[in-house]
Protein backbone atom coordinates (compact mmCIF):
# COMPACT_ATOMS: atom_id res chain seq x y z
CA MET A 1 17.10 -27.91 -14.66
CA ARG A 2 13.37 -28.05 -15.40
CA ASN A 3 12.58 -28.57 -11.72
CA PHE A 4 14.69 -25.51 -10.83
CA ALA A 5 12.89 -23.39 -13.42
CA PHE A 6 9.54 -24.61 -12.09
CA LEU A 7 10.53 -23.60 -8.57
CA LEU A 8 11.48 -20.14 -9.80
CA LEU A 9 8.12 -19.73 -11.51
CA ALA A 10 6.27 -21.00 -8.47
CA THR A 11 8.03 -18.59 -6.09
CA PRO A 12 6.02 -15.40 -5.36
CA ILE A 13 7.68 -12.36 -6.95
CA PHE A 14 6.77 -10.11 -4.04
CA ALA A 15 7.11 -10.97 -0.38
CA GLN A 16 3.83 -10.84 1.49
CA ALA A 17 3.01 -7.63 3.35
CA PRO A 18 3.08 -7.77 7.16
CA VAL A 19 -0.08 -8.98 8.88
CA GLY A 20 -2.73 -6.28 8.96
CA VAL A 21 -1.23 -4.34 6.06
CA ASP A 22 -3.31 -4.47 2.91
CA GLN A 23 -5.02 -2.03 0.58
CA ALA A 24 -7.78 -1.47 3.14
CA PHE A 25 -5.11 -0.40 5.65
CA PHE A 26 -3.80 2.29 3.32
CA LYS A 27 -7.36 3.47 2.59
CA SER A 28 -8.12 3.99 6.27
CA ASP A 29 -7.67 7.21 8.29
CA PRO A 30 -4.42 8.79 7.00
CA ARG A 31 -3.45 9.76 10.54
CA ALA A 32 -3.66 6.14 11.62
CA VAL A 33 -1.64 5.06 8.58
CA MET A 34 1.18 7.53 9.19
CA ALA A 35 1.39 6.72 12.90
CA SER A 36 1.36 2.97 12.28
CA CYS A 37 4.01 3.21 9.55
CA ALA A 38 6.21 5.33 11.82
CA ASP A 39 5.76 2.76 14.61
CA ARG A 40 6.85 -0.04 12.28
CA ALA A 41 9.86 1.93 11.06
CA ARG A 42 10.89 2.75 14.60
CA ALA A 43 10.61 -0.90 15.62
CA ILE A 44 13.03 -1.81 12.82
CA LYS A 45 15.52 1.02 13.36
CA PRO A 46 14.97 2.64 16.75
CA LYS A 47 18.23 4.53 17.33
CA ASP A 48 19.06 6.50 14.20
CA SER A 49 18.80 10.15 15.24
CA ARG A 50 17.74 11.51 11.85
CA LEU A 51 15.15 8.78 11.34
CA LEU A 52 13.79 9.40 14.85
CA ALA A 53 13.31 13.05 13.91
CA GLU A 54 11.36 11.96 10.85
CA TYR A 55 9.28 9.46 12.82
CA GLY A 56 8.45 12.41 15.05
CA ARG A 57 7.24 14.41 12.05
CA ALA A 58 4.82 11.61 11.15
CA TYR A 59 3.58 11.40 14.75
CA LEU A 60 3.11 15.16 14.85
CA ALA A 61 1.16 15.10 11.57
CA SER A 62 -1.01 12.30 12.98
CA GLY A 63 -1.95 14.53 15.92
CA ASN A 64 0.08 12.70 18.55
CA ARG A 65 2.31 15.44 19.95
CA PRO A 66 3.49 13.50 23.04
CA LYS A 67 4.73 10.66 20.86
CA ALA A 68 6.40 13.14 18.52
CA GLU A 69 8.17 14.85 21.40
CA ASP A 70 9.34 11.47 22.68
CA ALA A 71 10.85 10.69 19.27
CA PHE A 72 12.50 14.11 19.11
CA ALA A 73 13.97 13.68 22.60
CA ALA A 74 15.32 10.24 21.64
CA ALA A 75 16.83 11.71 18.47
CA ILE A 76 18.70 14.39 20.39
CA ALA A 77 19.77 11.91 23.07
CA ASN A 78 21.32 9.73 20.35
CA ASP A 79 23.21 12.56 18.62
CA ALA A 80 22.89 15.94 20.29
CA LYS A 81 25.55 17.56 18.10
CA ASP A 82 24.20 16.61 14.68
CA ALA A 83 22.90 19.77 13.01
CA GLU A 84 20.84 17.83 10.48
CA THR A 85 18.98 16.00 13.26
CA HIS A 86 18.04 19.33 14.81
CA ARG A 87 17.04 20.68 11.40
CA LEU A 88 14.74 17.73 10.77
CA ILE A 89 13.09 18.30 14.15
CA ALA A 90 12.68 22.00 13.40
CA TYR A 91 11.27 21.17 9.96
CA ALA A 92 8.78 18.76 11.54
CA TRP A 93 7.47 21.53 13.79
CA LEU A 94 7.43 23.99 10.90
CA LYS A 95 5.68 21.59 8.50
CA ASN A 96 2.91 21.07 11.02
CA GLY A 97 2.32 24.74 11.80
CA PHE A 98 4.21 25.06 15.09
CA LYS A 99 6.36 28.09 14.27
CA PRO A 100 7.55 29.01 17.80
CA GLU A 101 8.67 25.42 18.42
CA ALA A 102 10.35 25.37 15.01
CA VAL A 103 12.29 28.57 15.67
CA ALA A 104 13.44 27.21 19.04
CA ALA A 105 14.61 24.00 17.35
CA PHE A 106 16.45 25.92 14.63
CA ASP A 107 18.18 27.98 17.32
CA LYS A 108 19.21 24.78 19.14
CA MET A 109 20.63 23.50 15.85
CA VAL A 110 22.94 26.51 15.57
CA VAL A 111 24.17 26.05 19.14
CA SER A 112 24.59 22.28 18.80
CA ASP A 113 26.74 22.53 15.67
CA PRO A 114 27.90 26.07 14.87
CA LYS A 115 29.65 24.81 11.71
CA GLY A 116 26.73 22.91 10.21
CA LYS A 117 26.62 24.99 7.03
CA ASN A 118 24.64 22.50 4.94
CA ALA A 119 21.96 22.14 7.60
CA PHE A 120 21.87 25.93 7.89
CA SER A 121 21.26 26.40 4.17
CA LYS A 122 18.55 23.73 4.14
CA SER A 123 16.97 25.43 7.16
CA ALA A 124 17.05 28.74 5.32
CA ALA A 125 15.04 27.22 2.46
CA ASN A 126 12.60 25.63 4.94
CA LEU A 127 12.07 28.98 6.64
CA MET A 128 11.66 30.75 3.31
CA ASP A 129 8.97 28.27 2.26
CA ALA A 130 7.17 28.93 5.57
CA GLY A 131 7.06 32.67 4.85
CA MET A 132 9.70 33.53 7.47
CA THR A 133 11.96 35.52 5.15
CA ASP A 134 13.95 37.47 7.75
CA LYS A 135 14.79 34.33 9.73
CA ALA A 136 15.62 32.54 6.47
CA VAL A 137 18.12 35.23 5.44
CA GLU A 138 19.67 35.24 8.91
CA MET A 139 20.15 31.47 8.71
CA MET A 140 21.53 31.57 5.17
CA LYS A 141 24.05 34.23 6.14
CA ARG A 142 25.38 31.85 8.79
CA ALA A 143 25.95 29.21 6.13
CA TRP A 144 27.55 31.70 3.75
CA ILE A 145 29.92 33.13 6.36
CA LEU A 146 31.15 29.61 7.09
CA ASP A 147 31.86 28.96 3.40
CA PRO A 148 31.27 31.75 0.86
CA LYS A 149 32.69 29.51 -1.88
CA ASP A 150 29.92 26.93 -1.54
CA TRP A 151 27.99 27.77 -4.72
CA GLN A 152 25.56 24.91 -4.24
CA ASN A 153 24.26 26.22 -0.92
CA CYS A 154 23.96 29.71 -2.40
CA GLY A 155 22.18 28.25 -5.41
CA ASP A 156 19.75 26.33 -3.22
CA PHE A 157 18.81 29.53 -1.43
CA THR A 158 18.44 31.32 -4.75
CA ARG A 159 16.03 28.57 -5.79
CA ALA A 160 14.00 28.98 -2.59
CA ALA A 161 13.81 32.74 -3.13
CA VAL A 162 12.63 32.31 -6.74
CA ARG A 163 10.11 29.68 -5.66
CA ASN A 164 8.61 32.12 -3.17
CA GLY A 165 8.53 35.10 -5.51
CA LYS A 166 11.34 36.98 -3.70
CA LEU A 167 13.09 37.99 -6.90
CA ASP A 168 15.23 40.80 -5.43
CA LEU A 169 16.52 38.38 -2.81
CA ALA A 170 17.02 35.72 -5.49
CA ALA A 171 19.11 38.13 -7.55
CA GLU A 172 21.30 38.93 -4.52
CA TRP A 173 22.00 35.27 -3.88
CA ALA A 174 22.39 34.42 -7.56
CA VAL A 175 25.27 36.92 -7.62
CA LYS A 176 26.79 35.22 -4.56
CA THR A 177 26.39 31.88 -6.36
CA VAL A 178 28.31 33.21 -9.36
CA GLU A 179 30.98 34.85 -7.21
CA ALA A 180 31.60 31.52 -5.46
CA LYS A 181 32.74 29.73 -8.62
CA PRO A 182 32.35 31.76 -11.82
CA LYS A 183 34.03 29.17 -14.09
CA GLU A 184 31.91 26.22 -12.95
CA GLU A 185 29.61 25.07 -15.75
CA ARG A 186 27.36 23.16 -13.33
CA MET A 187 26.77 26.37 -11.41
CA TRP A 188 25.64 28.24 -14.53
CA ASN A 189 23.44 25.31 -15.52
CA GLU A 190 21.91 25.24 -12.04
CA LEU A 191 21.05 28.94 -12.25
CA ALA A 192 19.50 28.38 -15.67
CA LEU A 193 17.33 25.59 -14.28
CA ILE A 194 16.36 27.57 -11.18
CA TYR A 195 14.81 30.22 -13.37
CA ALA A 196 13.50 27.71 -15.92
CA ASP A 197 11.71 25.78 -13.17
CA GLY A 198 10.43 28.85 -11.37
CA GLY A 199 12.33 27.70 -8.32
CA ALA A 200 10.52 24.35 -8.11
CA GLU A 201 12.46 21.52 -6.49
CA HIS A 202 14.02 19.04 -8.90
């Protein structure tokens, strides 16, 4: 028993980091870090469409657009009808300042999965945060038409509107949130927190 306990104590608690990955690596050029980490992730899981879209976001942020576009193309090839995959690609473009490419990707999302209400509502919040209010409302209306009883999607858009100081728009969607499920205590609590947090994500 003592020998077993000794072995446990002698065993390193943490597995060693891969070769070439140490504190100096993470203190180097952030663009090199993000690209290298995305490369390592892709080597481990190369075919997941949503992860490929996120690898692409890292490549795009690192300044390597061709590599990002390759990851996006692979993502769509693996699951062309997944609305969330398209949303993640659109968000990657949007996050890195490529608004025309983002809008085109959002439009492809709607065509690829016309019933992707959750991806639509997330896209609406992404667009709102990017200052594209009209496009955000258009996208959110698509989600709402598909399911006007989804109070959580309506609440998420209310939160985005509050976060961006669009209080008239927030009030409109807060009413839709209430109308969706007026006797749901979680809904009322969510609205309370939206205004308590100033729309910040939680």
